[in-house]
C-alpha atoms as a PDB file:
ATOM      1  CA  MET A   1     -14.432 -22.064   2.690  1.00  0.00           C
ATOM      2  CA  GLY A   2     -10.755 -22.436   3.592  1.00  0.00           C
ATOM      3  CA  GLN A   3      -7.864 -23.308   1.355  1.00  0.00           C
ATOM      4  CA  GLU A   4      -5.996 -26.396   2.504  1.00  0.00           C
ATOM      5  CA  THR A   5      -2.703 -28.004   1.585  1.00  0.00           C
ATOM      6  CA  LEU A   6      -2.593 -31.712   0.761  1.00  0.00           C
ATOM      7  CA  ASP A   7      -1.846 -32.479   4.410  1.00  0.00           C
ATOM      8  CA  GLY A   8      -4.951 -30.557   5.503  1.00  0.00           C
ATOM      9  CA  THR A   9      -3.276 -27.337   6.677  1.00  0.00           C
ATOM     10  CA  ASP A  10      -5.558 -24.337   6.152  1.00  0.00           C
ATOM     11  CA  ILE A  11      -3.494 -21.593   4.457  1.00  0.00           C
ATOM     12  CA  THR A  12      -6.342 -19.124   3.985  1.00  0.00           C
ATOM     13  CA  THR A  13      -4.918 -16.809   6.651  1.00  0.00           C
ATOM     14  CA  LEU A  14      -1.421 -16.941   5.137  1.00  0.00           C
ATOM     15  CA  ARG A  15      -2.766 -15.994   1.710  1.00  0.00           C
ATOM     16  CA  GLU A  16      -4.781 -13.130   3.182  1.00  0.00           C
ATOM     17  CA  THR A  17      -1.743 -11.926   5.163  1.00  0.00           C
ATOM     18  CA  TYR A  18       0.402 -11.949   2.004  1.00  0.00           C
ATOM     19  CA  ARG A  19      -2.288 -10.132   0.021  1.00  0.00           C
ATOM     20  CA  ARG A  20      -2.769  -7.474   2.712  1.00  0.00           C
ATOM     21  CA  LYS A  21       0.959  -6.790   3.100  1.00  0.00           C
ATOM     22  CA  VAL A  22       1.688  -6.567  -0.630  1.00  0.00           C
ATOM     23  CA  MET A  23      -1.486  -4.831  -1.789  1.00  0.00           C
ATOM     24  CA  GLU A  24      -2.152  -2.536   1.167  1.00  0.00           C
ATOM     25  CA  GLU A  25       0.572  -2.201   3.808  1.00  0.00           C
ATOM     26  CA  LEU A  26       3.631  -1.849   1.561  1.00  0.00           C
ATOM     27  CA  PRO A  27       2.046   0.708  -0.810  1.00  0.00           C
ATOM     28  CA  ARG A  28       0.815   2.687   2.222  1.00  0.00           C
ATOM     29  CA  ALA A  29       4.284   2.617   3.801  1.00  0.00           C
ATOM     30  CA  ALA A  30       5.789   3.759   0.490  1.00  0.00           C
ATOM     31  CA  ARG A  31       3.363   6.685   0.293  1.00  0.00           C
ATOM     32  CA  ASP A  32       4.106   7.631   3.892  1.00  0.00           C
ATOM     33  CA  ALA A  33       7.888   7.401   3.435  1.00  0.00           C
ATOM     34  CA  ASP A  34       7.844   9.198   0.066  1.00  0.00           C
ATOM     35  CA  ASP A  35      11.399   8.083  -0.778  1.00  0.00           C
ATOM     36  CA  TRP A  36      11.051   4.405  -1.656  1.00  0.00           C
ATOM     37  CA  PRO A  37      12.052   3.372  -5.191  1.00  0.00           C
ATOM     38  CA  ILE A  38       8.722   1.584  -5.761  1.00  0.00           C
ATOM     39  CA  HIS A  39       5.191   2.485  -4.689  1.00  0.00           C
ATOM     40  CA  LEU A  40       2.664   0.266  -6.469  1.00  0.00           C
ATOM     41  CA  ASP A  41       1.251  -3.029  -5.233  1.00  0.00           C
ATOM     42  CA  HIS A  42       2.216  -4.973  -8.366  1.00  0.00           C
ATOM     43  CA  CYS A  43       5.823  -3.770  -7.968  1.00  0.00           C
ATOM     44  CA  PHE A  44       5.901  -5.019  -4.385  1.00  0.00           C
ATOM     45  CA  GLY A  45       4.462  -8.330  -5.584  1.00  0.00           C
ATOM     46  CA  ARG A  46       7.228  -8.600  -8.191  1.00  0.00           C
ATOM     47  CA  VAL A  47       9.939  -7.803  -5.657  1.00  0.00           C
ATOM     48  CA  VAL A  48       8.632 -10.185  -3.000  1.00  0.00           C
ATOM     49  CA  LEU A  49       8.139 -13.080  -5.402  1.00  0.00           C
ATOM     50  CA  ASP A  50      11.389 -12.569  -7.323  1.00  0.00           C
ATOM     51  CA  ASN A  51      13.317 -12.533  -4.044  1.00  0.00           C
ATOM     52  CA  LEU A  52      11.417 -15.595  -2.847  1.00  0.00           C
ATOM     53  CA  PHE A  53      12.644 -17.579  -5.857  1.00  0.00           C
ATOM     54  CA  GLY A  54      15.934 -15.763  -6.508  1.00  0.00           C
ATOM     55  CA  ASP A  55      14.783 -15.352 -10.090  1.00  0.00           C
ATOM     56  CA  GLU A  56      11.879 -14.065 -12.160  1.00  0.00           C
ATOM     57  CA  TRP A  57       8.930 -15.490 -10.248  1.00  0.00           C
ATOM     58  CA  TYR A  58       6.836 -16.392 -13.288  1.00  0.00           C
ATOM     59  CA  ASP A  59       9.386 -19.074 -14.198  1.00  0.00           C
ATOM     60  CA  HIS A  60       8.462 -20.822 -10.923  1.00  0.00           C
ATOM     61  CA  VAL A  61       4.726 -20.300 -10.446  1.00  0.00           C
ATOM     62  CA  ASP A  62       1.854 -21.579 -12.539  1.00  0.00           C
ATOM     63  CA  GLY A  63      -1.362 -19.635 -12.270  1.00  0.00           C
ATOM     64  CA  ARG A  64      -2.441 -16.138 -11.413  1.00  0.00           C
ATOM     65  CA  PRO A  65      -2.631 -14.540  -8.984  1.00  0.00           C
ATOM     66  CA  ALA A  66       0.695 -16.064  -8.077  1.00  0.00           C
ATOM     67  CA  TYR A  67       0.198 -16.008  -4.307  1.00  0.00           C
ATOM     68  CA  GLU A  68      -2.708 -18.427  -4.689  1.00  0.00           C
ATOM     69  CA  ALA A  69      -0.287 -20.996  -6.157  1.00  0.00           C
ATOM     70  CA  LEU A  70       2.353 -20.722  -3.411  1.00  0.00           C
ATOM     71  CA  SER A  71       2.948 -23.499  -0.916  1.00  0.00           C
ATOM     72  CA  GLU A  72       2.617 -22.918   2.810  1.00  0.00           C
ATOM     73  CA  ALA A  73       6.419 -22.604   3.163  1.00  0.00           C
ATOM     74  CA  GLU A  74       6.632 -20.217   0.199  1.00  0.00           C
ATOM     75  CA  LEU A  75       3.848 -18.046   1.628  1.00  0.00           C
ATOM     76  CA  ARG A  76       5.615 -17.870   4.987  1.00  0.00           C
ATOM     77  CA  GLU A  77       8.888 -16.849   3.336  1.00  0.00           C
ATOM     78  CA  ALA A  78       7.148 -14.304   1.098  1.00  0.00           C
ATOM     79  CA  ILE A  79       5.500 -12.759   4.166  1.00  0.00           C
ATOM     80  CA  ASP A  80       8.912 -12.597   5.852  1.00  0.00           C
ATOM     81  CA  ILE A  81      10.302 -10.719   2.823  1.00  0.00           C
ATOM     82  CA  ALA A  82       7.390  -8.266   2.921  1.00  0.00           C
ATOM     83  CA  ASP A  83       7.895  -7.804   6.665  1.00  0.00           C
ATOM     84  CA  ARG A  84      11.583  -7.065   6.111  1.00  0.00           C
ATOM     85  CA  MET A  85      10.619  -4.230   3.775  1.00  0.00           C
ATOM     86  CA  LEU A  86       8.048  -2.912   6.241  1.00  0.00           C
ATOM     87  CA  VAL A  87      10.486  -2.986   9.165  1.00  0.00           C
ATOM     88  CA  ASP A  88      13.729  -1.934   7.448  1.00  0.00           C
ATOM     89  CA  GLY A  89      12.142   0.534   5.057  1.00  0.00           C
ATOM     90  CA  ARG A  90      13.873   2.163   2.130  1.00  0.00           C
ATOM     91  CA  SER A  91      17.200   0.301   2.428  1.00  0.00           C
ATOM     92  CA  ALA A  92      15.534  -3.126   2.252  1.00  0.00           C
ATOM     93  CA  VAL A  93      13.120  -2.062  -0.489  1.00  0.00           C
ATOM     94  CA  ALA A  94      15.980  -0.673  -2.602  1.00  0.00           C
ATOM     95  CA  GLU A  95      18.136  -3.784  -2.104  1.00  0.00           C
ATOM     96  CA  LEU A  96      15.355  -6.244  -2.883  1.00  0.00           C
ATOM     97  CA  ASN A  97      14.155  -4.183  -5.854  1.00  0.00           C
ATOM     98  CA  GLU A  98      17.701  -4.145  -7.267  1.00  0.00           C
ATOM     99  CA  ASN A  99      17.859  -7.943  -6.891  1.00  0.00           C
ATOM    100  CA  SER A 100      14.607  -8.252  -8.817  1.00  0.00           C
ATOM    101  CA  LEU A 101      15.712  -5.878 -11.568  1.00  0.00           C
ATOM    102  CA  ARG A 102      19.059  -7.687 -11.906  1.00  0.00           C
ATOM    103  CA  TRP A 103      17.356 -11.079 -12.326  1.00  0.00           C
ATOM    104  CA  ARG A 104      15.201  -9.483 -15.006  1.00  0.00           C
ATOM    105  CA  GLY A 105      18.158  -7.880 -16.778  1.00  0.00           C
ATOM    106  CA  GLU A 106      16.841  -4.399 -15.987  1.00  0.00           C
ATOM    107  CA  ALA A 107      19.337  -3.206 -13.365  1.00  0.00           C
ATOM    108  CA  ASP A 108      21.445  -0.117 -13.973  1.00  0.00           C
END
């Protein structure tokens, strides 16, 4: 059974794409690179979602897992953020992680 928006758009594939990138592809790329500042799927989820909202994501999303509560547009943007990390590697991961940590008051 698909997951549809109010206008009838099926976003099942977008949710699966987000989940695969954050939970599988990014952690694998981090292991392969061995020099990224984060390595775990929940860290990539934090970074993607915080950068999506420009703030701590849990102030903007009701429900868990968060990606199941995102709109079609938010899912597309979150996937773009994940893709940026996959393509640009360590520099993008470090920059986006620093953004996330700063919004959380945890940056150096």
